[in-house]
Protein backbone atom coordinates (compact mmCIF):
# COMPACT_ATOMS: atom_id res chain seq x y z
CA UNK A 1 -94.45 88.39 -84.46
CA UNK A 2 -93.77 87.60 -80.79
CA UNK A 3 -94.90 90.07 -78.16
CA UNK A 4 -94.17 90.15 -74.46
CA UNK A 5 -97.56 90.30 -72.72
CA UNK A 6 -98.33 93.61 -71.05
CA UNK A 7 -100.72 91.92 -68.63
CA UNK A 8 -99.63 91.14 -65.08
CA UNK A 9 -98.46 87.57 -65.60
CA UNK A 10 -98.01 86.94 -61.88
CA UNK A 11 -101.63 87.46 -60.99
CA UNK A 12 -103.64 84.45 -59.86
CA UNK A 13 -106.92 85.73 -61.26
CA UNK A 14 -108.27 87.13 -64.51
CA UNK A 15 -106.79 90.27 -66.00
CA UNK A 16 -108.66 93.56 -66.19
CA UNK A 17 -108.54 96.01 -69.11
CA UNK A 18 -108.57 95.20 -72.82
CA UNK A 19 -105.74 93.02 -74.11
CA UNK A 20 -104.39 92.77 -77.64
CA UNK A 21 -105.29 89.76 -79.77
CA UNK A 22 -101.88 88.19 -79.14
CA UNK A 23 -102.23 88.67 -75.38
CA UNK A 24 -105.69 87.09 -75.41
CA UNK A 25 -104.28 84.05 -77.20
CA UNK A 26 -101.48 83.72 -74.63
CA UNK A 27 -104.00 83.94 -71.78
CA UNK A 28 -106.26 81.32 -73.36
CA UNK A 29 -103.43 78.87 -74.07
CA UNK A 30 -102.12 79.03 -70.49
CA UNK A 31 -105.38 77.75 -68.99
CA UNK A 32 -105.30 74.24 -67.51
CA UNK A 33 -107.92 71.70 -68.51
CA UNK A 34 -110.35 72.38 -65.67
CA UNK A 35 -114.01 71.44 -65.25
CA UNK A 36 -115.25 74.59 -67.02
CA UNK A 37 -113.09 73.93 -70.08
CA UNK A 38 -114.33 70.35 -70.33
CA UNK A 39 -117.96 71.46 -69.90
CA UNK A 40 -117.57 73.61 -73.02
CA UNK A 41 -115.96 70.71 -74.88
CA UNK A 42 -118.76 68.33 -73.87
CA UNK A 43 -121.45 70.88 -74.78
CA UNK A 44 -120.06 71.19 -78.30
CA UNK A 45 -119.72 67.42 -78.43
CA UNK A 46 -123.37 66.92 -77.46
CA UNK A 47 -124.39 68.91 -80.51
CA UNK A 48 -122.10 66.66 -82.52
CA UNK A 49 -123.85 63.61 -81.05
CA UNK A 50 -127.03 64.40 -82.97
CA UNK A 51 -124.98 65.17 -86.06
CA UNK A 52 -123.33 61.72 -85.95
CA UNK A 53 -126.65 60.02 -85.27
CA UNK A 54 -127.98 61.64 -88.43
CA UNK A 55 -124.90 60.75 -90.48
CA UNK A 56 -125.04 57.06 -89.58
CA UNK A 57 -128.75 56.80 -90.33
CA UNK A 58 -127.61 55.99 -93.86
CA UNK A 59 -126.60 52.44 -92.99
CA UNK A 60 -129.49 51.61 -90.67
CA UNK A 61 -132.45 53.22 -92.40
CA UNK A 62 -131.87 51.43 -95.69
CA UNK A 63 -133.03 47.94 -94.56
CA UNK A 64 -136.22 49.53 -93.15
CA UNK A 65 -136.84 51.54 -96.30
CA UNK A 66 -136.43 48.36 -98.36
CA UNK A 67 -138.74 46.47 -96.00
CA UNK A 68 -141.40 49.19 -96.40
CA UNK A 69 -141.13 49.09 -100.19
CA UNK A 70 -139.82 52.68 -100.38
CA UNK A 71 -136.38 51.50 -101.56
CA UNK A 72 -135.51 48.74 -104.02
CA UNK A 73 -132.56 46.38 -104.15
CA UNK A 74 -130.24 45.58 -107.05
CA UNK A 75 -130.80 47.11 -110.45
CA UNK A 76 -134.39 48.12 -109.61
CA UNK A 77 -133.13 51.30 -107.94
CA UNK A 78 -132.13 54.59 -109.58
CA UNK A 79 -129.31 54.44 -112.17
CA UNK A 80 -129.58 50.63 -112.16
CA UNK A 81 -127.94 50.50 -108.70
CA UNK A 82 -129.36 49.77 -105.23
CA UNK A 83 -131.40 52.67 -103.79
CA UNK A 84 -129.04 52.65 -100.79
CA UNK A 85 -126.27 53.84 -103.11
CA UNK A 86 -128.36 56.85 -104.19
CA UNK A 87 -129.37 57.53 -100.57
CA UNK A 88 -125.71 57.60 -99.49
CA UNK A 89 -124.76 59.67 -102.52
CA UNK A 90 -127.30 62.46 -101.91
CA UNK A 91 -126.36 62.48 -98.22
CA UNK A 92 -122.77 63.32 -99.06
CA UNK A 93 -123.83 65.72 -101.80
CA UNK A 94 -125.60 67.69 -99.06
CA UNK A 95 -122.49 67.52 -96.88
CA UNK A 96 -120.44 68.85 -99.79
CA UNK A 97 -122.74 71.83 -100.41
CA UNK A 98 -122.93 72.61 -96.69
CA UNK A 99 -119.17 72.47 -96.12
CA UNK A 100 -117.96 74.10 -99.35
CA UNK A 101 -120.64 76.75 -99.96
CA UNK A 102 -121.88 77.59 -96.48
CA UNK A 103 -118.95 76.56 -94.26
CA UNK A 104 -117.51 80.09 -94.41
CA UNK A 105 -120.63 81.48 -92.67
CA UNK A 106 -118.96 80.70 -89.34
CA UNK A 107 -116.08 83.01 -90.31
CA UNK A 108 -118.54 85.81 -91.04
CA UNK A 109 -121.26 85.43 -88.40
CA UNK A 110 -119.44 83.63 -85.59
CA UNK A 111 -118.94 80.07 -84.41
CA UNK A 112 -121.73 80.11 -81.82
CA UNK A 113 -124.57 81.34 -84.04
CA UNK A 114 -123.82 79.04 -86.97
CA UNK A 115 -123.37 76.05 -84.64
CA UNK A 116 -126.86 76.70 -83.29
CA UNK A 117 -128.73 77.22 -86.53
CA UNK A 118 -127.08 74.36 -88.40
CA UNK A 119 -128.44 71.94 -85.79
CA UNK A 120 -131.95 73.37 -86.18
CA UNK A 121 -131.64 73.11 -89.97
CA UNK A 122 -130.87 69.41 -90.16
CA UNK A 123 -133.25 68.51 -87.31
CA UNK A 124 -136.23 69.97 -89.18
CA UNK A 125 -135.14 68.35 -92.47
CA UNK A 126 -134.82 64.94 -90.78
CA UNK A 127 -138.31 65.27 -89.28
CA UNK A 128 -139.66 65.85 -92.79
CA UNK A 129 -137.68 62.85 -94.06
CA UNK A 130 -139.40 60.69 -91.43
CA UNK A 131 -142.81 61.60 -92.89
CA UNK A 132 -141.85 60.83 -96.51
CA UNK A 133 -143.16 57.82 -98.42
CA UNK A 134 -141.32 57.85 -101.76
CA UNK A 135 -137.65 57.32 -102.59
CA UNK A 136 -137.46 60.75 -104.24
CA UNK A 137 -138.86 62.53 -101.16
CA UNK A 138 -136.58 60.59 -98.79
CA UNK A 139 -133.54 61.40 -100.93
CA UNK A 140 -134.51 65.09 -101.21
CA UNK A 141 -134.89 65.68 -97.45
CA UNK A 142 -131.75 63.66 -96.83
CA UNK A 143 -129.92 66.05 -99.16
CA UNK A 144 -131.33 69.10 -97.33
CA UNK A 145 -130.40 67.65 -93.93
CA UNK A 146 -126.92 66.94 -95.27
CA UNK A 147 -126.38 70.67 -95.96
CA UNK A 148 -126.98 71.49 -92.29
CA UNK A 149 -124.74 68.66 -91.13
CA UNK A 150 -121.96 69.82 -93.46
CA UNK A 151 -122.08 73.32 -91.98
CA UNK A 152 -122.03 72.05 -88.41
CA UNK A 153 -119.11 69.69 -88.99
CA UNK A 154 -116.98 72.63 -90.14
CA UNK A 155 -118.15 74.97 -87.38
CA UNK A 156 -117.50 72.54 -84.52
CA UNK A 157 -113.92 71.92 -85.66
CA UNK A 158 -113.13 75.64 -85.92
CA UNK A 159 -114.93 76.43 -82.65
CA UNK A 160 -113.22 73.69 -80.67
CA UNK A 161 -109.72 74.46 -81.99
CA UNK A 162 -110.02 78.13 -81.01
CA UNK A 163 -111.49 77.81 -77.53
CA UNK A 164 -109.41 74.94 -76.10
CA UNK A 165 -105.89 75.52 -74.67
CA UNK A 166 -103.13 74.13 -76.87
CA UNK A 167 -101.84 71.59 -74.32
CA UNK A 168 -105.09 69.60 -74.39
CA UNK A 169 -106.33 70.33 -77.92
CA UNK A 170 -105.76 66.81 -79.22
CA UNK A 171 -107.41 65.24 -76.20
CA UNK A 172 -110.38 67.63 -76.47
CA UNK A 173 -110.98 66.54 -80.06
CA UNK A 174 -110.68 62.88 -79.03
CA UNK A 175 -113.21 63.31 -76.18
CA UNK A 176 -115.52 65.16 -78.57
CA UNK A 177 -115.27 62.23 -80.95
CA UNK A 178 -116.11 59.88 -78.06
CA UNK A 179 -119.36 61.73 -77.36
CA UNK A 180 -120.19 62.06 -81.06
CA UNK A 181 -119.34 58.43 -81.75
CA UNK A 182 -121.60 57.28 -78.90
CA UNK A 183 -124.41 58.01 -81.36
CA UNK A 184 -123.23 55.16 -83.60
CA UNK A 185 -124.14 52.26 -81.27
CA UNK A 186 -127.28 54.17 -80.28
CA UNK A 187 -128.52 54.35 -83.87
CA UNK A 188 -127.36 50.77 -84.46
CA UNK A 189 -129.28 49.53 -81.40
CA UNK A 190 -132.39 51.55 -82.24
CA UNK A 191 -132.20 50.24 -85.80
CA UNK A 192 -131.80 46.65 -84.61
CA UNK A 193 -134.83 47.01 -82.31
CA UNK A 194 -137.18 49.09 -84.49
CA UNK A 195 -136.38 48.44 -88.16
CA UNK A 196 -137.87 44.90 -88.24
CA UNK A 197 -141.14 45.94 -86.55
CA UNK A 198 -144.04 48.38 -87.00
CA UNK A 199 -144.98 49.99 -83.65
CA UNK A 200 -148.59 51.20 -83.73
CA UNK A 201 -148.71 50.19 -87.39
CA UNK A 202 -146.01 52.74 -88.32
CA UNK A 203 -142.82 51.57 -90.03
CA UNK A 204 -139.97 51.34 -87.53
CA UNK A 205 -137.53 53.32 -89.70
CA UNK A 206 -139.64 56.44 -89.19
CA UNK A 207 -139.09 56.31 -85.41
CA UNK A 208 -135.36 55.79 -85.95
CA UNK A 209 -135.23 58.97 -88.06
CA UNK A 210 -137.39 61.00 -85.65
CA UNK A 211 -135.15 60.17 -82.70
CA UNK A 212 -132.26 61.74 -84.58
CA UNK A 213 -134.19 64.96 -85.03
CA UNK A 214 -134.41 65.59 -81.28
CA UNK A 215 -131.31 67.76 -81.53
CA UNK A 216 -133.69 70.70 -82.00
CA UNK A 217 -135.00 70.19 -78.46
CA UNK A 218 -131.61 70.74 -76.80
CA UNK A 219 -130.13 73.26 -79.23
CA UNK A 220 -131.17 76.39 -77.29
CA UNK A 221 -129.75 75.00 -74.08
CA UNK A 222 -126.51 74.27 -75.90
CA UNK A 223 -126.39 77.83 -77.22
CA UNK A 224 -126.84 79.34 -73.75
CA UNK A 225 -123.92 77.33 -72.35
CA UNK A 226 -121.34 78.42 -74.92
CA UNK A 227 -119.42 81.70 -75.27
CA UNK A 228 -118.24 83.00 -78.63
CA UNK A 229 -114.65 82.30 -79.61
CA UNK A 230 -112.43 85.14 -78.23
CA UNK A 231 -110.15 84.70 -81.24
CA UNK A 232 -113.07 85.32 -83.62
CA UNK A 233 -114.34 88.28 -81.58
CA UNK A 234 -110.93 89.93 -81.49
CA UNK A 235 -110.39 89.39 -85.21
CA UNK A 236 -113.70 91.15 -85.96
CA UNK A 237 -112.89 94.19 -83.82
CA UNK A 238 -115.05 93.16 -80.85
CA UNK A 239 -112.17 93.59 -78.42
CA UNK A 240 -114.22 94.39 -75.32
CA UNK A 241 -116.38 91.29 -75.83
CA UNK A 242 -113.29 89.15 -76.45
CA UNK A 243 -111.78 90.50 -73.22
CA UNK A 244 -115.00 89.79 -71.32
CA UNK A 245 -115.17 86.17 -72.54
CA UNK A 246 -111.47 85.55 -71.81
CA UNK A 247 -111.77 87.05 -68.32
CA UNK A 248 -114.87 84.94 -67.68
CA UNK A 249 -113.01 81.76 -68.69
CA UNK A 250 -110.07 82.72 -66.46
CA UNK A 251 -112.40 83.32 -63.52
CA UNK A 252 -114.16 79.99 -64.03
CA UNK A 253 -110.89 78.06 -64.27
CA UNK A 254 -109.54 79.84 -61.19
CA UNK A 255 -112.68 78.89 -59.27
CA UNK A 256 -112.40 75.28 -60.50
CA UNK A 257 -108.78 74.76 -59.55
CA UNK A 258 -108.30 77.11 -56.62
CA UNK A 259 -104.73 77.55 -57.86
CA UNK A 260 -102.96 80.58 -59.37
CA UNK A 261 -103.11 80.62 -63.14
CA UNK A 262 -99.77 80.00 -64.87
CA UNK A 263 -98.24 83.11 -66.47
CA UNK A 264 -98.96 83.72 -70.17
CA UNK A 265 -96.15 82.75 -72.51
CA UNK A 266 -94.72 85.06 -75.13
CA UNK A 267 -97.62 86.06 -77.36
CA UNK A 268 -97.63 85.61 -81.14
CA UNK A 269 -99.74 87.68 -83.49
CA UNK A 270 -101.54 86.00 -86.34
CA UNK A 271 -100.01 86.97 -89.67
CA UNK A 272 -102.09 89.65 -91.46
CA UNK A 273 -104.18 88.72 -94.45
CA UNK A 274 -107.68 88.66 -95.89
CA UNK A 275 -110.54 86.27 -95.26
CA UNK A 276 -111.21 85.56 -98.92
CA UNK A 277 -111.17 82.20 -100.64
CA UNK A 278 -107.96 83.22 -102.44
CA UNK A 279 -106.18 83.52 -99.10
CA UNK A 280 -106.23 79.76 -98.52
CA UNK A 281 -104.14 79.33 -101.69
CA UNK A 282 -101.40 81.76 -100.66
CA UNK A 283 -98.16 80.56 -99.00
CA UNK A 284 -97.94 78.72 -96.70
CA UNK A 285 -101.62 77.72 -96.86
CA UNK A 286 -101.82 76.70 -100.51
CA UNK A 287 -99.65 73.63 -99.94
CA UNK A 288 -101.68 72.69 -96.87
CA UNK A 289 -104.94 73.13 -98.77
CA UNK A 290 -103.79 70.75 -101.50
CA UNK A 291 -102.50 68.17 -98.98
CA UNK A 292 -105.73 68.20 -96.98
CA UNK A 293 -107.95 68.19 -100.08
CA UNK A 294 -106.23 65.00 -101.30
CA UNK A 295 -106.33 63.50 -97.82
CA UNK A 296 -110.04 64.21 -97.34
CA UNK A 297 -110.98 62.89 -100.77
CA UNK A 298 -109.55 59.48 -99.87
CA UNK A 299 -109.97 59.19 -96.09
CA UNK A 300 -113.75 59.25 -96.22
CA UNK A 301 -113.78 56.18 -98.48
CA UNK A 302 -112.38 54.14 -95.61
CA UNK A 303 -114.33 55.75 -92.79
CA UNK A 304 -117.77 55.81 -94.40
CA UNK A 305 -117.17 52.99 -96.86
CA UNK A 306 -117.30 50.67 -93.86
CA UNK A 307 -119.52 52.63 -91.45
CA UNK A 308 -122.35 53.31 -93.91
CA UNK A 309 -122.31 49.87 -95.50
CA UNK A 310 -121.86 47.45 -92.56
CA UNK A 311 -125.26 45.72 -92.82
CA UNK A 312 -125.02 45.42 -96.61
CA UNK A 313 -121.43 44.11 -96.44
CA UNK A 314 -122.46 41.50 -93.86
CA UNK A 315 -125.44 40.39 -95.95
CA UNK A 316 -123.09 39.95 -98.93
CA UNK A 317 -120.97 37.64 -96.75
CA UNK A 318 -123.97 35.42 -95.99
CA UNK A 319 -125.56 36.95 -92.88
CA UNK A 320 -129.32 37.42 -92.67
CA UNK A 321 -130.72 40.96 -92.40
CA UNK A 322 -131.54 40.38 -88.72
CA UNK A 323 -128.04 39.02 -87.98
CA UNK A 324 -126.41 41.79 -90.00
CA UNK A 325 -128.14 44.41 -87.84
CA UNK A 326 -127.17 42.51 -84.68
CA UNK A 327 -123.50 42.20 -85.72
CA UNK A 328 -123.49 45.84 -86.79
CA UNK A 329 -124.67 46.92 -83.34
CA UNK A 330 -121.96 44.88 -81.57
CA UNK A 331 -119.25 46.28 -83.86
CA UNK A 332 -120.61 49.81 -83.42
CA UNK A 333 -120.02 49.63 -79.65
CA UNK A 334 -116.30 49.99 -80.42
CA UNK A 335 -116.89 53.34 -82.08
CA UNK A 336 -117.15 55.45 -78.89
CA UNK A 337 -114.58 53.31 -77.05
CA UNK A 338 -111.91 54.12 -79.63
CA UNK A 339 -111.68 57.90 -79.01
CA UNK A 340 -111.45 57.28 -75.25
CA UNK A 341 -108.45 55.04 -75.85
CA UNK A 342 -106.83 57.47 -78.28
CA UNK A 343 -107.43 60.48 -75.99
CA UNK A 344 -104.53 59.19 -73.89
CA UNK A 345 -102.07 59.52 -76.78
CA UNK A 346 -103.59 62.44 -78.74
CA UNK A 347 -101.19 65.04 -77.32
CA UNK A 348 -98.24 62.71 -76.71
CA UNK A 349 -97.57 61.63 -80.29
CA UNK A 350 -97.40 63.76 -83.41
CA UNK A 351 -100.85 63.88 -84.98
CA UNK A 352 -99.72 63.22 -88.54
CA UNK A 353 -98.32 59.81 -87.56
CA UNK A 354 -101.48 58.87 -85.66
CA UNK A 355 -103.42 59.58 -88.86
CA UNK A 356 -101.07 57.30 -90.82
CA UNK A 357 -101.48 54.49 -88.26
CA UNK A 358 -105.28 54.78 -88.43
CA UNK A 359 -105.28 54.54 -92.24
CA UNK A 360 -102.96 51.52 -92.16
CA UNK A 361 -105.27 49.74 -89.70
CA UNK A 362 -108.34 50.37 -91.88
CA UNK A 363 -106.58 48.89 -94.93
CA UNK A 364 -105.19 45.78 -93.22
CA UNK A 365 -108.18 44.89 -91.06
CA UNK A 366 -110.62 45.68 -93.87
CA UNK A 367 -109.04 43.11 -96.17
CA UNK A 368 -109.07 40.54 -93.36
CA UNK A 369 -112.74 41.32 -92.62
CA UNK A 370 -113.78 40.53 -96.19
CA UNK A 371 -112.33 36.99 -95.93
CA UNK A 372 -114.23 35.96 -92.78
CA UNK A 373 -117.33 33.80 -92.46
CA UNK A 374 -117.35 33.08 -88.72
CA UNK A 375 -119.46 35.46 -86.63
CA UNK A 376 -116.72 35.68 -83.96
CA UNK A 377 -114.03 36.67 -86.47
CA UNK A 378 -116.35 39.08 -88.30
CA UNK A 379 -117.19 40.89 -85.08
CA UNK A 380 -113.62 40.89 -83.74
CA UNK A 381 -112.03 42.23 -86.92
CA UNK A 382 -114.94 44.65 -87.39
CA UNK A 383 -114.11 46.09 -83.95
CA UNK A 384 -110.48 46.62 -85.01
CA UNK A 385 -111.67 48.42 -88.15
CA UNK A 386 -113.78 50.72 -86.01
CA UNK A 387 -110.88 51.38 -83.64
CA UNK A 388 -108.71 52.30 -86.62
CA UNK A 389 -111.50 54.52 -87.95
CA UNK A 390 -111.73 56.39 -84.66
CA UNK A 391 -107.96 56.89 -84.47
CA UNK A 392 -108.10 58.50 -87.91
CA UNK A 393 -111.19 60.64 -87.32
CA UNK A 394 -110.44 61.83 -83.78
CA UNK A 395 -106.98 62.94 -84.94
CA UNK A 396 -107.61 64.55 -88.31
CA UNK A 397 -110.44 66.80 -87.07
CA UNK A 398 -107.95 68.47 -84.75
CA UNK A 399 -105.15 68.39 -87.31
CA UNK A 400 -106.86 70.15 -90.18
CA UNK A 401 -108.38 72.85 -87.95
CA UNK A 402 -104.88 73.68 -86.66
CA UNK A 403 -103.33 74.34 -90.06
CA UNK A 404 -105.15 77.58 -90.93
CA UNK A 405 -105.47 81.05 -89.31
CA UNK A 406 -108.60 82.25 -87.50
CA UNK A 407 -109.67 84.61 -90.29
CA UNK A 408 -110.16 81.72 -92.77
CA UNK A 409 -110.31 78.69 -90.50
CA UNK A 410 -113.95 77.76 -91.15
CA UNK A 411 -113.66 78.62 -94.86
CA UNK A 412 -110.49 76.55 -95.30
CA UNK A 413 -111.71 73.60 -93.24
CA UNK A 414 -115.02 73.76 -95.08
CA UNK A 415 -113.30 73.60 -98.46
CA UNK A 416 -110.87 70.76 -97.71
CA UNK A 417 -113.53 68.86 -95.76
CA UNK A 418 -115.96 69.24 -98.65
CA UNK A 419 -113.58 67.14 -100.75
CA UNK A 420 -114.48 64.17 -98.57
CA UNK A 421 -118.16 64.82 -99.20
CA UNK A 422 -117.62 65.26 -102.93
CA UNK A 423 -115.70 62.00 -102.88
CA UNK A 424 -118.58 60.20 -101.21
CA UNK A 425 -121.07 61.44 -103.77
CA UNK A 426 -119.28 59.25 -106.31
CA UNK A 427 -117.64 56.60 -104.15
CA UNK A 428 -120.97 55.64 -102.56
CA UNK A 429 -122.08 54.68 -106.06
CA UNK A 430 -118.73 52.97 -106.68
CA UNK A 431 -118.99 50.94 -103.47
CA UNK A 432 -122.47 49.89 -104.57
CA UNK A 433 -120.95 48.83 -107.90
CA UNK A 434 -118.06 46.90 -106.31
CA UNK A 435 -120.38 45.22 -103.81
CA UNK A 436 -122.82 44.19 -106.51
CA UNK A 437 -120.14 42.86 -108.88
CA UNK A 438 -117.17 41.82 -106.72
CA UNK A 439 -118.59 41.31 -103.25
CA UNK A 440 -117.15 42.40 -99.94
CA UNK A 441 -113.53 41.67 -100.95
CA UNK A 442 -113.79 44.04 -103.94
CA UNK A 443 -115.11 46.80 -101.68
CA UNK A 444 -112.20 46.45 -99.24
CA UNK A 445 -109.60 46.37 -102.02
CA UNK A 446 -111.04 49.72 -103.12
CA UNK A 447 -110.88 51.01 -99.53
CA UNK A 448 -107.30 49.77 -98.98
CA UNK A 449 -106.12 51.55 -102.13
CA UNK A 450 -107.63 54.81 -100.91
CA UNK A 451 -105.81 54.44 -97.56
CA UNK A 452 -102.46 54.33 -99.38
CA UNK A 453 -103.16 57.85 -100.69
CA UNK A 454 -104.07 58.96 -97.15
CA UNK A 455 -100.79 57.69 -95.72
CA UNK A 456 -98.71 59.32 -98.47
CA UNK A 457 -100.45 62.71 -98.35
CA UNK A 458 -100.14 63.18 -94.58
CA UNK A 459 -97.09 61.05 -93.76
CA UNK A 460 -94.88 62.55 -96.47
CA UNK A 461 -96.20 66.11 -96.84
CA UNK A 462 -98.12 67.01 -93.65
CA UNK A 463 -96.56 69.52 -91.18
CA UNK A 464 -96.33 68.90 -87.43
CA UNK A 465 -98.70 70.64 -84.99
CA UNK A 466 -98.47 69.05 -81.53
CA UNK A 467 -97.90 71.41 -78.61
CA UNK A 468 -97.98 74.55 -80.79
CA UNK A 469 -100.40 77.46 -80.51
CA UNK A 470 -102.74 77.96 -83.45
CA UNK A 471 -100.87 81.14 -84.31
CA UNK A 472 -97.51 79.34 -84.38
CA UNK A 473 -98.88 76.69 -86.71
CA UNK A 474 -100.60 79.29 -88.92
CA UNK A 475 -97.44 81.36 -89.26
């Protein structure tokens, strides 16, 4: 329901008194993208940096674990498959448990608290992984770390969608992906430098893992810089606190710009409902849940099928382990560049079509990549795959967080996102099978097929979201 704001819309500063939930939303969405808004975005993104570093350890730790004799290649690993396949599988099993079982914690306890503790969780687990010496121990702590990462992935998406004004929401997600994705070339470079050596007689892969656990060092600083989501506070009856946070944001933006704040638009209430799991299956959310569950099941095959297997795919095409790590690092540089490029179009073009374009690029360039032998062509086409990956990821994180109301946003995003993690539990093993039996071309045929399902699910059935408030999309 639309409401005319009762606040003084002509005032240049923050509003005093306690506003309704709808009025708070209107005041938040009118804010321009000032320095203070972007500081919050970058603070959340910095937490995501460590999360991405930990995710992409999968590809770069495996050569070191094999070199140390912890992992085995070929049929000597668990289930008669390479140990890397099991390592990737348990990683995504942890993501699945974290997102599906514990993702709703952010709806109950708040975005800020769960963001903080999920980082601490996976940082400690990764430290313990770095001290392990058997494949079983490495896989176990990787699974535990994956639970924390799964929770944080859900929380960041819900947090960011709720605290950023609607006019720059797509760009904010793209910039967040830029910061997060900067971890990919970092872990690739560290892996390239440290995996082949043993500093102080200690296997290099242990240092690579420990560097990723440093998120615990900055987590308390991150927590101090971030306010709770006013939408979440208001929904849970903490109206005075929601008013305080909103007024604080208005004051900061006013100080940043030195210009009067634009008047709030007509305010829209969020439709009433419960915060139970059943609520995400009621109209209109049930259709969206199904669409995004299908989408997530298949999109991750393309994104992580390439990202987590780059060195192994290159070795299968004839590159040495050293060259595969070097090529992987060069290709990984494109990962943070992509979101910067796409940030310029994130709010100008409908998000569903940007997702379709990203999936199409992964399919086409992936098949071309598998046919190359020249280092120049491998690197060039690998860069285009990464750019397509970043178009897909930087767009869909915003898109799926927009499609559900505040009361179930983390729960719903956690459930649909967990489908991608469930998918990777099995598809990591399948990619290992295709790579072992059909080579790089077989892997990319599998990936291209999955991208067809992505394009159909979002292109045909996905609703539009650009330029709309979260409440408009939810209703």
